[in-house]
Protein backbone atom coordinates (compact mmCIF):
# COMPACT_ATOMS: atom_id res chain seq x y z
CA MET A 1 -183.16 72.53 17.38
CA MET A 2 -180.61 70.27 19.07
CA ALA A 3 -177.39 69.47 17.30
CA MET A 4 -177.02 65.84 16.40
CA HIS A 5 -173.69 64.20 17.15
CA PRO A 6 -172.31 61.71 14.69
CA THR A 7 -173.18 58.18 15.67
CA ARG A 8 -170.26 56.04 16.70
CA PRO A 9 -170.16 52.55 18.16
CA LEU A 10 -170.41 52.30 21.92
CA ASP A 11 -167.09 51.22 23.45
CA PRO A 12 -167.59 49.60 26.88
CA MET A 13 -163.92 49.98 27.78
CA GLU A 14 -164.09 53.73 27.21
CA ILE A 15 -167.10 53.96 29.52
CA LEU A 16 -165.28 51.87 32.12
CA ARG A 17 -162.19 54.09 31.96
CA LYS A 18 -164.33 57.18 32.46
CA LEU A 19 -166.21 55.67 35.38
CA THR A 20 -163.13 54.40 37.21
CA GLY A 21 -161.38 57.74 36.72
CA LEU A 22 -163.96 59.59 38.80
CA PRO A 23 -162.84 60.56 42.33
CA HIS A 24 -165.91 59.13 44.08
CA ARG A 25 -165.21 55.53 43.12
CA ARG A 26 -164.87 53.80 46.48
CA THR A 27 -166.41 50.91 48.32
CA TYR A 28 -168.12 51.12 51.65
CA ILE A 29 -167.05 47.74 52.99
CA THR A 30 -165.86 49.07 56.35
CA GLU A 31 -169.27 50.56 57.12
CA VAL A 32 -171.00 47.32 56.16
CA TRP A 33 -168.63 45.32 58.37
CA TRP A 34 -169.41 47.61 61.32
CA LEU A 35 -173.15 47.10 60.78
CA VAL A 36 -172.93 43.33 60.34
CA GLY A 37 -170.45 42.97 63.20
CA GLY A 38 -172.59 44.95 65.65
CA THR A 39 -175.67 42.95 64.79
CA ALA A 40 -173.85 39.60 64.96
CA LEU A 41 -172.13 40.48 68.25
CA GLY A 42 -175.43 41.55 69.77
CA LEU A 43 -177.11 38.33 68.68
CA LEU A 44 -174.26 36.21 70.05
CA LEU A 45 -174.30 38.02 73.39
CA LEU A 46 -178.09 37.85 73.70
CA PRO A 47 -178.13 34.84 76.09
CA ALA A 48 -175.49 36.35 78.40
CA LEU A 49 -176.30 40.08 78.37
CA SER A 50 -179.97 40.09 77.47
CA TRP A 51 -181.00 43.77 77.65
CA LEU A 52 -177.61 45.19 76.68
CA ALA A 53 -177.27 42.84 73.70
CA PHE A 54 -180.86 43.62 72.68
CA LEU A 55 -179.97 47.31 72.76
CA LEU A 56 -176.85 46.68 70.63
CA VAL A 57 -178.91 44.75 68.06
CA GLY A 58 -181.51 47.53 67.99
CA VAL A 59 -178.90 50.25 67.51
CA SER A 60 -177.10 48.26 64.78
CA VAL A 61 -180.29 47.48 62.89
CA GLY A 62 -181.48 51.09 63.23
CA ALA A 63 -178.13 52.41 61.96
CA ALA A 64 -178.26 49.94 59.06
CA LEU A 65 -181.76 51.05 58.07
CA VAL A 66 -180.72 54.69 58.11
CA TYR A 67 -177.40 53.99 56.33
CA PHE A 68 -178.90 51.95 53.51
CA ASP A 69 -181.60 54.61 53.03
CA TRP A 70 -178.76 57.01 52.03
CA ARG A 71 -179.20 59.20 55.10
CA PHE A 72 -176.54 60.12 57.68
CA SER A 73 -175.68 57.31 60.05
CA PRO A 74 -173.14 57.38 62.91
CA VAL A 75 -171.53 54.29 61.40
CA SER A 76 -170.02 56.59 58.77
CA LEU A 77 -167.78 58.11 61.46
CA LEU A 78 -166.33 54.83 62.74
CA PRO A 79 -162.75 53.86 61.83
CA PRO A 80 -161.08 52.84 59.56
CA ARG A 81 -161.79 55.72 57.23
CA ALA A 82 -159.55 54.42 54.45
CA THR A 83 -160.76 54.51 50.88
CA SER A 84 -160.74 51.15 49.20
CA GLN A 85 -160.95 50.95 45.44
CA ASN A 86 -163.40 48.94 43.39
CA ILE A 87 -161.75 46.15 41.44
CA ILE A 88 -163.11 45.62 37.97
CA GLY A 89 -161.88 42.57 36.13
CA LYS A 90 -162.50 40.97 32.80
């Protein structure tokens, strides 16, 4: 039989402190900017460099599909590799 713990009220600030104290708390904004920037640049260059810009858009969209499916994507290796922290406010 499982031991029952005494019931105590749930403190959201305690949960927040525990979550923000974990080492994996980081944002992935640099990877998203690389994906959005590659797609936007390819679309802007489409009239001037048709096949090359189409290739850039295809590679960016393909990398985004792989990245957001939680698989390895080459965009994870692009700089900057700095860790930015999540900001949680009241």
